[in-house]
Structure formats: structure tokens, C-alpha cells
Amino acid sequence: MEEKDDEKIWLISDCCRNKNNLSKACIKYIIQVLILNIVLVFSLIQISITDNNKEIYFSLISTIIGIFLPSPHMNE
């Protein structure tokens, strides 16, 4: 089964839509997400292999979740 290029759906952020020119905001966003994911994976690994002092890793995970999730608000 062949796919046509027109039928493909690409999910690209607004800041990264132009593949030739990435804006500074897009690069900053990508780097922040990568660093947060690295810290998240590191924390999960440390929780699974260490037996003591897991509180710091749970705090890191809570902070990362707080950064990723938007704050709730009501539209009026």
C-alpha cells in the first residue's frame, strides 16, 4: 500500500513549521523538553535502584510535572 505525501499528517509546532529557519524560541523549547526528559528518566531510574533517600527524586518528578502541566484557569 502506497502513501501519498498529501495524505501524511505532520504534527509540527508553530515555531518549527519552517524547517530552514528555526526560531530561538523553538530551539529553547526543544532543549528544555530534552533536559526535563533526561532528568525525569534519571529520577525514575534512581528511584528504582536506590533504597535510601528517594525524596529528592520524587521532588524532581513533581517539579517536572508542575512545569509540563499548565495551570488551571476558568474562561469567563
C-alpha atoms as a PDB file:
ATOM      1  CA  MET A   1       0.000   0.000   0.000  1.00  0.00           C
ATOM      2  CA  GLU A   2       1.500   3.318  -1.099  1.00  0.00           C
ATOM      3  CA  GLU A   3       1.022   6.557   0.759  1.00  0.00           C
ATOM      4  CA  LYS A   4       0.803   9.855  -0.998  1.00  0.00           C
ATOM      5  CA  ASP A   5       2.642  12.807   0.505  1.00  0.00           C
ATOM      6  CA  ASP A   6      -0.618  14.753   0.613  1.00  0.00           C
ATOM      7  CA  GLU A   7      -2.206  12.164   2.893  1.00  0.00           C
ATOM      8  CA  LYS A   8       0.530  12.294   5.516  1.00  0.00           C
ATOM      9  CA  ILE A   9      -0.250  14.316   8.594  1.00  0.00           C
ATOM     10  CA  TRP A  10       2.685  16.107  10.171  1.00  0.00           C
ATOM     11  CA  LEU A  11       2.373  17.443  13.678  1.00  0.00           C
ATOM     12  CA  ILE A  12       4.773  20.351  13.728  1.00  0.00           C
ATOM     13  CA  SER A  13       4.753  23.172  16.246  1.00  0.00           C
ATOM     14  CA  ASP A  14       4.176  26.715  15.005  1.00  0.00           C
ATOM     15  CA  CYS A  15       7.692  27.748  15.941  1.00  0.00           C
ATOM     16  CA  CYS A  16       9.185  24.841  13.999  1.00  0.00           C
ATOM     17  CA  ARG A  17       6.966  24.992  10.918  1.00  0.00           C
ATOM     18  CA  ASN A  18       9.675  26.418   8.670  1.00  0.00           C
ATOM     19  CA  LYS A  19      12.339  23.703   8.507  1.00  0.00           C
ATOM     20  CA  ASN A  20      15.019  26.079   7.191  1.00  0.00           C
ATOM     21  CA  ASN A  21      14.722  28.705   9.923  1.00  0.00           C
ATOM     22  CA  LEU A  22      14.176  27.536  13.475  1.00  0.00           C
ATOM     23  CA  SER A  23      13.380  30.386  15.785  1.00  0.00           C
ATOM     24  CA  LYS A  24      15.283  30.897  19.017  1.00  0.00           C
ATOM     25  CA  ALA A  25      12.108  30.151  20.951  1.00  0.00           C
ATOM     26  CA  CYS A  26      11.750  26.791  19.194  1.00  0.00           C
ATOM     27  CA  ILE A  27      15.337  25.792  19.905  1.00  0.00           C
ATOM     28  CA  LYS A  28      14.978  26.880  23.543  1.00  0.00           C
ATOM     29  CA  TYR A  29      11.730  24.883  23.880  1.00  0.00           C
ATOM     30  CA  ILE A  30      13.247  21.724  22.375  1.00  0.00           C
ATOM     31  CA  ILE A  31      16.313  21.924  24.619  1.00  0.00           C
ATOM     32  CA  GLN A  32      14.170  22.483  27.728  1.00  0.00           C
ATOM     33  CA  VAL A  33      11.979  19.494  26.924  1.00  0.00           C
ATOM     34  CA  LEU A  34      15.021  17.293  26.291  1.00  0.00           C
ATOM     35  CA  ILE A  35      16.652  18.301  29.580  1.00  0.00           C
ATOM     36  CA  LEU A  36      13.430  17.757  31.532  1.00  0.00           C
ATOM     37  CA  ASN A  37      13.018  14.319  29.960  1.00  0.00           C
ATOM     38  CA  ILE A  38      16.601  13.385  30.834  1.00  0.00           C
ATOM     39  CA  VAL A  39      16.072  14.465  34.455  1.00  0.00           C
ATOM     40  CA  LEU A  40      12.768  12.570  34.570  1.00  0.00           C
ATOM     41  CA  VAL A  41      14.330   9.338  33.297  1.00  0.00           C
ATOM     42  CA  PHE A  42      17.284   9.751  35.656  1.00  0.00           C
ATOM     43  CA  SER A  43      14.936  10.248  38.618  1.00  0.00           C
ATOM     44  CA  LEU A  44      12.865   7.198  37.734  1.00  0.00           C
ATOM     45  CA  ILE A  45      15.992   5.067  37.407  1.00  0.00           C
ATOM     46  CA  GLN A  46      17.346   6.303  40.738  1.00  0.00           C
ATOM     47  CA  ILE A  47      14.035   5.559  42.468  1.00  0.00           C
ATOM     48  CA  SER A  48      14.057   2.026  41.108  1.00  0.00           C
ATOM     49  CA  ILE A  49      17.666   1.170  42.005  1.00  0.00           C
ATOM     50  CA  THR A  50      18.323   3.014  45.275  1.00  0.00           C
ATOM     51  CA  ASP A  51      16.922   2.070  48.644  1.00  0.00           C
ATOM     52  CA  ASN A  52      17.505   5.264  50.585  1.00  0.00           C
ATOM     53  CA  ASN A  53      16.897   8.996  50.107  1.00  0.00           C
ATOM     54  CA  LYS A  54      14.279   8.744  47.360  1.00  0.00           C
ATOM     55  CA  GLU A  55      12.620  12.004  48.429  1.00  0.00           C
ATOM     56  CA  ILE A  56      14.845  14.153  46.241  1.00  0.00           C
ATOM     57  CA  TYR A  57      13.890  12.170  43.139  1.00  0.00           C
ATOM     58  CA  PHE A  58      10.173  12.357  43.923  1.00  0.00           C
ATOM     59  CA  SER A  59      10.610  16.123  44.334  1.00  0.00           C
ATOM     60  CA  LEU A  60      12.288  16.348  40.926  1.00  0.00           C
ATOM     61  CA  ILE A  61       9.452  14.378  39.323  1.00  0.00           C
ATOM     62  CA  SER A  62       6.858  16.617  40.990  1.00  0.00           C
ATOM     63  CA  THR A  63       8.663  19.715  39.751  1.00  0.00           C
ATOM     64  CA  ILE A  64       8.839  18.377  36.196  1.00  0.00           C
ATOM     65  CA  ILE A  65       5.133  17.526  36.212  1.00  0.00           C
ATOM     66  CA  GLY A  66       4.399  21.025  37.517  1.00  0.00           C
ATOM     67  CA  ILE A  67       6.404  22.538  34.675  1.00  0.00           C
ATOM     68  CA  PHE A  68       4.755  20.426  31.959  1.00  0.00           C
ATOM     69  CA  LEU A  69       1.165  20.815  33.121  1.00  0.00           C
ATOM     70  CA  PRO A  70      -0.427  24.212  32.522  1.00  0.00           C
ATOM     71  CA  SER A  71      -2.036  25.968  35.449  1.00  0.00           C
ATOM     72  CA  PRO A  72      -5.826  25.637  35.503  1.00  0.00           C
ATOM     73  CA  HIS A  73      -7.947  28.676  34.737  1.00  0.00           C
ATOM     74  CA  MET A  74     -11.584  29.426  34.014  1.00  0.00           C
ATOM     75  CA  ASN A  75     -12.650  31.268  30.891  1.00  0.00           C
ATOM     76  CA  GLU A  76     -15.183  33.982  31.602  1.00  0.00           C
END
